[in-house]
Amino acid sequence: MDLRPPLTRPHRSRQASHAQQVAPFVLIAVVTVVDVLAPPEVHLGPFLAAAPAMTASFAGPRMTAFVGLVAVLAQVVVSTARTSLTDLNHTFQIIALIMISVFVTFFAHLREVHEKEMVQLRTVAETAQQVVLRPLRDRIGPLGVASVYLAAAAEAQIGGDLYAAARTDTGTRLIIGDVRGKGLAAVGDAALVLGAFRASAHQETELTGLVDYLEAAVSADLDGGDQGGESFVTAAVLEIPDDEPVLRLVSCGHPPPLVLRGSGGAVSLDVARPAPPLGLAGLVTSTVTAQTFPFGPGDVLLLYTDGVLEARDRAGTFYPLTERVAAWGGMPPQALLDHLCGDLLAHAAGNTLDDDAAMVAVRRPAPR
């Protein structure tokens, strides 16, 4: 499993941080000089309150308090230079500036505490997700396999994307899915689905029986979290037999997988009778059916979550997955995913994704 954070620009961030730190002091200096030189009827002291208020938006409470102190001292200098500290107008300006500095320092403290809590929560969620999503081996039976997980922007909560593979006596079974919701609740729901898949993939003879087992496990135990009990999981469950050039697919409301031919072109595996997402089967009347598709030697199967399709460029255009990968069928699974990840991030605005994205590539080797 490859967890890749979004691309960053540390040099530009350091420049922006330095400019932000200097700006309040520049403002204080300019206001102080102009106020001292201004006519007696002009008072610019109230503008000094903007310095600590500006600082509270990006710095911690200590920096905010220091800027507030400098602003108060600057107001004292102005008062002494223009009249005296006992002047009623300047006295009230100093008192007001002290009160504003105290308030914004308190707000900076609250913001810093909230940011630390969010960082801690995301760290816990990422650690839990890495435990849940076990790495896929690069070879499972006769198949070549690669997987990747692209984390969304740092501000976003981690998602519940999932994938797994299991060997049976006759072939390989795979699942890829996406839990509705974000955060630790989504990671817990993903763990539930993966645990049910790993427990039953070796026991259920038919692929439809495996999906029925997953549906029963999800319906009984899926965590509604903050979704009001409306959580569900979109999933694609597949079976690739060792001795037949086909694959069998049950789609539970998940984006259709793609098969890339070695000669070029990408075929979307759209099932005729999709099943509802896991956890919602009790709301509709449906029968789980597995559909068979050709999957011959040299073909590459691409599984993905909707974070890939929902990546947008600055113009709001969604990533055209099928069109982009149509010419990449001859690549090995790992090279394919590396190429796809680079192209996807280049397409996304700011080189970051709004939603987590998981991808799995599986290749049936050509006969020697």
Protein backbone atom coordinates (compact mmCIF):
# COMPACT_ATOMS: atom_id res chain seq x y z
CA MET A 1 0.00 0.00 0.00
CA ASP A 2 1.32 3.41 -0.94
CA LEU A 3 0.09 6.37 1.07
CA ARG A 4 1.06 9.52 -0.75
CA PRO A 5 0.36 12.97 0.70
CA PRO A 6 -0.63 15.79 -1.62
CA LEU A 7 2.15 17.78 -3.23
CA THR A 8 3.28 20.83 -1.27
CA ARG A 9 5.34 23.95 -1.90
CA PRO A 10 7.39 24.41 1.29
CA HIS A 11 9.54 27.25 -0.09
CA ARG A 12 6.54 29.35 -1.02
CA SER A 13 4.92 28.57 2.33
CA ARG A 14 7.99 29.81 4.21
CA GLN A 15 7.95 33.04 2.20
CA ALA A 16 4.26 33.58 2.95
CA SER A 17 4.83 32.89 6.65
CA HIS A 18 7.69 35.39 6.84
CA ALA A 19 5.61 38.06 5.09
CA GLN A 20 2.71 37.45 7.47
CA GLN A 21 4.94 37.84 10.51
CA VAL A 22 6.46 41.10 9.28
CA ALA A 23 3.19 42.72 8.15
CA PRO A 24 1.81 43.58 11.66
CA PHE A 25 5.06 45.33 12.66
CA VAL A 26 5.14 47.26 9.39
CA LEU A 27 1.55 48.35 10.02
CA ILE A 28 2.39 49.46 13.56
CA ALA A 29 5.42 51.44 12.35
CA VAL A 30 3.52 53.17 9.54
CA VAL A 31 0.54 54.08 11.71
CA THR A 32 2.81 55.37 14.49
CA VAL A 33 4.88 57.62 12.20
CA VAL A 34 1.88 58.98 10.31
CA ASP A 35 -0.09 59.57 13.51
CA VAL A 36 2.77 61.54 15.09
CA LEU A 37 3.12 63.70 11.99
CA ALA A 38 -0.62 64.12 11.36
CA PRO A 39 -2.55 67.31 12.19
CA PRO A 40 -3.98 67.55 15.75
CA GLU A 41 -7.52 66.77 14.62
CA VAL A 42 -6.47 63.49 12.92
CA HIS A 43 -6.19 60.35 15.10
CA LEU A 44 -4.95 57.10 13.58
CA GLY A 45 -4.55 55.18 16.84
CA PRO A 46 -7.58 52.91 16.26
CA PHE A 47 -5.82 51.44 13.22
CA LEU A 48 -3.25 49.86 15.56
CA ALA A 49 -5.91 47.34 16.65
CA ALA A 50 -5.63 45.76 13.20
CA ALA A 51 -2.11 44.51 13.99
CA PRO A 52 -2.97 41.99 16.78
CA ALA A 53 -6.23 41.07 15.00
CA MET A 54 -4.26 40.28 11.84
CA THR A 55 -1.71 38.25 13.80
CA ALA A 56 -4.39 36.12 15.48
CA SER A 57 -5.48 34.82 12.07
CA PHE A 58 -2.20 32.97 11.45
CA ALA A 59 -0.07 32.95 14.63
CA GLY A 60 -0.38 31.52 18.12
CA PRO A 61 -1.38 33.30 21.30
CA ARG A 62 2.19 34.24 22.29
CA MET A 63 2.92 35.98 19.01
CA THR A 64 -0.49 37.66 19.09
CA ALA A 65 0.08 38.93 22.63
CA PHE A 66 3.54 40.22 21.69
CA VAL A 67 2.18 42.14 18.70
CA GLY A 68 -0.60 43.53 20.92
CA LEU A 69 2.02 44.69 23.44
CA VAL A 70 4.04 46.39 20.70
CA ALA A 71 0.88 48.10 19.45
CA VAL A 72 0.09 49.37 22.96
CA LEU A 73 3.62 50.70 23.36
CA ALA A 74 3.32 52.40 19.98
CA GLN A 75 0.10 54.06 21.13
CA VAL A 76 1.90 55.23 24.28
CA VAL A 77 4.64 56.78 22.10
CA VAL A 78 2.03 58.54 19.98
CA SER A 79 0.22 59.84 23.05
CA THR A 80 3.45 61.18 24.57
CA ALA A 81 4.58 62.77 21.31
CA ARG A 82 1.28 64.48 20.53
CA THR A 83 -0.09 65.46 23.95
CA SER A 84 0.34 63.36 27.09
CA LEU A 85 -0.69 60.03 28.53
CA THR A 86 -3.32 61.78 30.64
CA ASP A 87 -5.13 63.03 27.55
CA LEU A 88 -8.61 61.51 27.73
CA ASN A 89 -8.79 60.58 24.04
CA HIS A 90 -5.46 58.77 24.06
CA THR A 91 -6.24 57.11 27.39
CA PHE A 92 -9.39 55.53 25.97
CA GLN A 93 -7.51 54.47 22.83
CA ILE A 94 -4.89 52.68 24.95
CA ILE A 95 -7.56 50.95 27.06
CA ALA A 96 -9.48 49.86 23.97
CA LEU A 97 -6.30 48.56 22.35
CA ILE A 98 -5.42 46.53 25.47
CA MET A 99 -8.91 44.99 25.55
CA ILE A 100 -8.82 44.11 21.86
CA SER A 101 -5.34 42.55 22.24
CA VAL A 102 -6.56 40.39 25.14
CA PHE A 103 -9.62 39.21 23.21
CA VAL A 104 -7.77 38.30 20.01
CA THR A 105 -5.04 36.55 22.02
CA PHE A 106 -7.73 34.39 23.62
CA PHE A 107 -9.23 33.61 20.22
CA ALA A 108 -5.76 32.69 18.88
CA HIS A 109 -5.43 30.29 21.81
CA LEU A 110 -8.76 28.64 20.97
CA ARG A 111 -7.80 28.32 17.31
CA GLU A 112 -4.46 26.75 18.20
CA VAL A 113 -6.13 24.21 20.49
CA HIS A 114 -8.63 23.32 17.74
CA GLU A 115 -5.86 22.89 15.16
CA LYS A 116 -3.91 20.59 17.48
CA GLU A 117 -7.02 18.48 18.04
CA MET A 118 -7.64 18.21 14.29
CA VAL A 119 -4.02 17.21 13.61
CA GLN A 120 -4.17 14.59 16.34
CA LEU A 121 -7.47 13.23 15.04
CA ARG A 122 -6.18 12.94 11.49
CA THR A 123 -2.97 11.29 12.69
CA VAL A 124 -4.97 8.69 14.60
CA ALA A 125 -7.24 8.13 11.59
CA GLU A 126 -4.30 7.72 9.23
CA THR A 127 -2.60 5.27 11.58
CA ALA A 128 -5.79 3.26 11.94
CA GLN A 129 -6.26 3.26 8.18
CA GLN A 130 -2.75 1.97 7.57
CA VAL A 131 -3.46 -0.89 9.98
CA VAL A 132 -6.77 -1.67 8.24
CA LEU A 133 -5.46 -1.50 4.67
CA ARG A 134 -2.85 -4.22 4.50
CA PRO A 135 -0.42 -3.93 1.59
CA LEU A 136 -1.27 -6.07 -1.44
CA ARG A 137 1.51 -8.35 -2.61
CA ASP A 138 2.93 -7.61 -6.06
CA ARG A 139 1.99 -11.14 -7.13
CA ILE A 140 -1.10 -13.06 -6.09
CA GLY A 141 -1.26 -16.45 -7.69
CA PRO A 142 -0.51 -15.94 -11.40
CA LEU A 143 -1.60 -12.28 -11.29
CA GLY A 144 0.61 -9.21 -11.09
CA VAL A 145 -0.86 -6.68 -8.65
CA ALA A 146 -0.19 -3.09 -7.59
CA SER A 147 -2.13 -0.75 -5.30
CA VAL A 148 -1.97 2.89 -4.30
CA TYR A 149 -3.79 5.15 -1.87
CA LEU A 150 -3.74 8.91 -2.50
CA ALA A 151 -4.62 11.00 0.56
CA ALA A 152 -6.67 14.12 0.03
CA ALA A 153 -5.71 17.65 1.06
CA ALA A 154 -4.47 18.02 4.62
CA GLU A 155 -7.58 19.97 5.65
CA ALA A 156 -9.91 17.18 4.60
CA GLN A 157 -10.88 14.33 6.88
CA ILE A 158 -9.51 10.96 5.87
CA GLY A 159 -11.94 8.78 3.98
CA GLY A 160 -13.07 5.17 4.12
CA ASP A 161 -11.68 3.84 0.85
CA LEU A 162 -10.80 0.14 1.04
CA TYR A 163 -9.40 -2.72 -0.99
CA ALA A 164 -8.27 -6.29 -0.37
CA ALA A 165 -7.47 -9.54 -2.17
CA ALA A 166 -7.74 -13.19 -1.19
CA ARG A 167 -6.63 -16.44 -2.82
CA THR A 168 -9.01 -19.38 -3.20
CA ASP A 169 -8.52 -22.89 -4.53
CA THR A 170 -9.53 -21.83 -8.03
CA GLY A 171 -8.52 -18.19 -8.35
CA THR A 172 -8.29 -14.75 -6.77
CA ARG A 173 -11.03 -12.63 -5.25
CA LEU A 174 -10.79 -8.86 -4.87
CA ILE A 175 -12.85 -6.08 -3.36
CA ILE A 176 -12.61 -2.33 -3.67
CA GLY A 177 -15.04 -0.02 -1.95
CA ASP A 178 -15.78 3.37 -0.47
CA VAL A 179 -17.58 3.99 2.82
CA ARG A 180 -19.95 6.93 2.96
CA GLY A 181 -18.62 9.46 5.44
CA LYS A 182 -15.24 10.58 6.73
CA GLY A 183 -13.00 10.29 9.76
CA LEU A 184 -12.55 7.51 12.27
CA ALA A 185 -16.12 6.27 11.84
CA ALA A 186 -15.45 5.64 8.13
CA VAL A 187 -12.18 3.87 8.92
CA GLY A 188 -14.02 1.65 11.40
CA ASP A 189 -16.69 0.81 8.84
CA ALA A 190 -13.98 -0.01 6.29
CA ALA A 191 -12.38 -2.36 8.83
CA LEU A 192 -15.75 -4.09 9.25
CA VAL A 193 -16.12 -4.68 5.50
CA LEU A 194 -12.54 -5.85 5.07
CA GLY A 195 -12.81 -8.21 8.04
CA ALA A 196 -15.99 -9.74 6.63
CA PHE A 197 -14.37 -10.13 3.20
CA ARG A 198 -11.25 -11.82 4.56
CA ALA A 199 -13.33 -14.14 6.72
CA SER A 200 -15.67 -15.29 3.96
CA ALA A 201 -13.67 -15.04 0.73
CA HIS A 202 -12.25 -18.53 1.31
CA GLN A 203 -15.50 -20.10 2.50
CA GLU A 204 -18.19 -18.97 0.04
CA THR A 205 -18.22 -21.08 -3.10
CA GLU A 206 -20.14 -18.57 -5.22
CA LEU A 207 -19.29 -14.91 -5.64
CA THR A 208 -22.93 -13.99 -5.03
CA GLY A 209 -22.79 -15.84 -1.71
CA LEU A 210 -19.77 -13.76 -0.72
CA VAL A 211 -21.65 -10.55 -1.49
CA ASP A 212 -24.67 -11.77 0.49
CA TYR A 213 -22.37 -12.42 3.45
CA LEU A 214 -20.88 -8.92 3.18
CA GLU A 215 -24.35 -7.40 2.99
CA ALA A 216 -25.47 -9.26 6.11
CA ALA A 217 -22.36 -8.18 8.04
CA VAL A 218 -22.66 -4.57 6.97
CA SER A 219 -26.40 -4.31 7.60
CA ALA A 220 -25.98 -5.67 11.12
CA ASP A 221 -22.99 -3.68 12.28
CA LEU A 222 -22.28 -0.67 10.05
CA ASP A 223 -21.62 2.44 12.14
CA GLY A 224 -23.99 5.25 11.24
CA GLY A 225 -21.78 7.81 12.97
CA ASP A 226 -22.80 11.35 12.20
CA GLN A 227 -24.77 10.18 9.18
CA GLY A 228 -27.79 9.36 11.28
CA GLY A 229 -27.62 5.61 10.63
CA GLU A 230 -27.51 6.13 6.86
CA SER A 231 -23.99 4.84 6.21
CA PHE A 232 -23.42 2.45 3.35
CA VAL A 233 -20.56 1.10 1.28
CA THR A 234 -20.23 1.10 -2.48
CA ALA A 235 -18.16 -1.87 -3.58
CA ALA A 236 -17.02 -3.91 -6.53
CA VAL A 237 -16.42 -7.59 -5.71
CA LEU A 238 -14.58 -9.66 -8.30
CA GLU A 239 -13.39 -13.18 -8.92
CA ILE A 240 -10.60 -14.01 -11.38
CA PRO A 241 -10.29 -17.75 -12.05
CA ASP A 242 -6.85 -19.13 -12.77
CA ASP A 243 -7.89 -21.42 -15.64
CA GLU A 244 -10.38 -19.21 -17.54
CA PRO A 245 -9.68 -15.96 -19.45
CA VAL A 246 -12.57 -14.20 -17.73
CA LEU A 247 -13.51 -12.38 -14.57
CA ARG A 248 -16.78 -12.31 -12.68
CA LEU A 249 -18.03 -9.07 -11.17
CA VAL A 250 -20.73 -7.99 -8.72
CA SER A 251 -21.11 -4.22 -8.60
CA CYS A 252 -22.72 -2.77 -5.48
CA GLY A 253 -23.21 0.79 -6.64
CA HIS A 254 -19.48 1.28 -7.31
CA PRO A 255 -17.85 2.96 -10.34
CA PRO A 256 -17.27 0.32 -13.05
CA PRO A 257 -13.79 -1.19 -13.31
CA LEU A 258 -11.82 -0.80 -16.51
CA VAL A 259 -10.00 -3.48 -18.53
CA LEU A 260 -7.04 -2.21 -20.53
CA ARG A 261 -6.12 -4.26 -23.57
CA GLY A 262 -2.53 -4.73 -24.52
CA SER A 263 -3.36 -3.58 -28.05
CA GLY A 264 -4.84 -0.32 -26.76
CA GLY A 265 -8.23 0.79 -25.53
CA ALA A 266 -10.08 0.68 -22.25
CA VAL A 267 -13.33 -1.24 -21.73
CA SER A 268 -15.69 -0.19 -18.95
CA LEU A 269 -17.20 -3.17 -17.11
CA ASP A 270 -20.77 -1.94 -16.77
CA VAL A 271 -22.96 -4.65 -15.27
CA ALA A 272 -26.51 -5.11 -16.52
CA ARG A 273 -28.00 -5.64 -13.05
CA PRO A 274 -26.04 -3.84 -10.35
CA ALA A 275 -26.75 -4.58 -6.70
CA PRO A 276 -27.46 -1.77 -4.21
CA PRO A 277 -24.59 -0.53 -2.03
CA LEU A 278 -23.78 -2.71 0.96
CA GLY A 279 -26.05 -1.77 3.84
CA LEU A 280 -28.97 -0.71 1.63
CA ALA A 281 -30.19 -4.05 0.30
CA GLY A 282 -33.05 -4.09 2.81
CA LEU A 283 -34.48 -0.92 1.27
CA VAL A 284 -34.94 -2.35 -2.23
CA THR A 285 -35.95 -5.65 -3.78
CA SER A 286 -33.02 -7.00 -5.75
CA THR A 287 -31.17 -10.20 -6.55
CA VAL A 288 -27.39 -10.29 -6.48
CA THR A 289 -26.03 -11.51 -9.80
CA ALA A 290 -22.46 -11.92 -11.02
CA GLN A 291 -21.69 -10.91 -14.60
CA THR A 292 -18.82 -12.42 -16.59
CA PHE A 293 -16.42 -10.33 -18.69
CA PRO A 294 -13.43 -11.31 -20.86
CA PHE A 295 -10.09 -10.95 -19.10
CA GLY A 296 -7.40 -12.58 -21.17
CA PRO A 297 -3.60 -12.83 -21.06
CA GLY A 298 -1.92 -9.42 -21.12
CA ASP A 299 -5.07 -7.57 -20.03
CA VAL A 300 -4.88 -5.17 -17.07
CA LEU A 301 -7.80 -4.64 -14.70
CA LEU A 302 -8.05 -1.21 -13.08
CA LEU A 303 -10.14 -0.79 -9.93
CA TYR A 304 -10.62 2.65 -8.40
CA THR A 305 -12.78 4.71 -6.06
CA ASP A 306 -14.76 7.81 -6.93
CA GLY A 307 -12.02 10.12 -5.64
CA VAL A 308 -10.32 9.51 -9.01
CA LEU A 309 -13.37 10.48 -11.05
CA GLU A 310 -14.16 13.52 -8.88
CA ALA A 311 -10.76 15.18 -9.24
CA ARG A 312 -11.29 18.55 -10.94
CA ASP A 313 -9.00 21.01 -12.61
CA ARG A 314 -9.21 24.78 -12.08
CA ALA A 315 -11.97 25.00 -14.67
CA GLY A 316 -14.08 22.44 -12.79
CA THR A 317 -13.60 19.65 -15.36
CA PHE A 318 -13.64 16.13 -13.94
CA TYR A 319 -10.70 13.82 -14.60
CA PRO A 320 -11.36 11.84 -17.84
CA LEU A 321 -10.13 8.50 -16.55
CA THR A 322 -11.23 6.24 -19.41
CA GLU A 323 -9.78 8.53 -22.07
CA ARG A 324 -6.46 8.94 -20.26
CA VAL A 325 -5.77 5.27 -19.55
CA ALA A 326 -6.89 3.98 -22.96
CA ALA A 327 -3.33 4.09 -24.30
CA TRP A 328 -1.61 2.72 -21.18
CA GLY A 329 -2.67 -0.91 -21.47
CA GLY A 330 0.81 -2.25 -22.13
CA MET A 331 2.25 -1.02 -18.83
CA PRO A 332 2.91 -3.31 -15.86
CA PRO A 333 0.54 -2.69 -12.90
CA GLN A 334 2.97 -0.62 -10.80
CA ALA A 335 4.10 1.51 -13.74
CA LEU A 336 0.48 2.05 -14.72
CA LEU A 337 -0.47 3.32 -11.26
CA ASP A 338 2.63 5.52 -11.04
CA HIS A 339 1.78 7.09 -14.38
CA LEU A 340 -1.88 7.45 -13.44
CA CYS A 341 -1.12 9.08 -10.08
CA GLY A 342 1.17 11.65 -11.68
CA ASP A 343 -1.38 12.46 -14.36
CA LEU A 344 -4.23 12.65 -11.84
CA LEU A 345 -2.39 15.07 -9.54
CA ALA A 346 -1.30 17.17 -12.51
CA HIS A 347 -4.96 17.45 -13.52
CA ALA A 348 -6.25 18.30 -10.05
CA ALA A 349 -6.36 21.97 -9.09
CA GLY A 350 -3.40 22.79 -6.86
CA ASN A 351 -2.01 19.26 -7.31
CA THR A 352 -4.24 18.09 -4.45
CA LEU A 353 -7.37 15.94 -4.30
CA ASP A 354 -10.61 16.89 -2.58
CA ASP A 355 -11.32 13.25 -1.71
CA ASP A 356 -9.13 10.26 -0.99
CA ALA A 357 -8.56 7.93 -3.93
CA ALA A 358 -7.65 4.23 -3.99
CA MET A 359 -6.55 2.28 -7.06
CA VAL A 360 -5.67 -1.35 -7.72
CA ALA A 361 -4.20 -2.68 -10.98
CA VAL A 362 -4.25 -6.41 -11.77
CA ARG A 363 -2.60 -8.00 -14.81
CA ARG A 364 -3.10 -11.50 -16.14
CA PRO A 365 0.29 -12.48 -17.52
CA ALA A 366 0.68 -13.42 -21.15
CA PRO A 367 1.80 -17.01 -21.82
CA ARG A 368 5.50 -17.49 -22.35
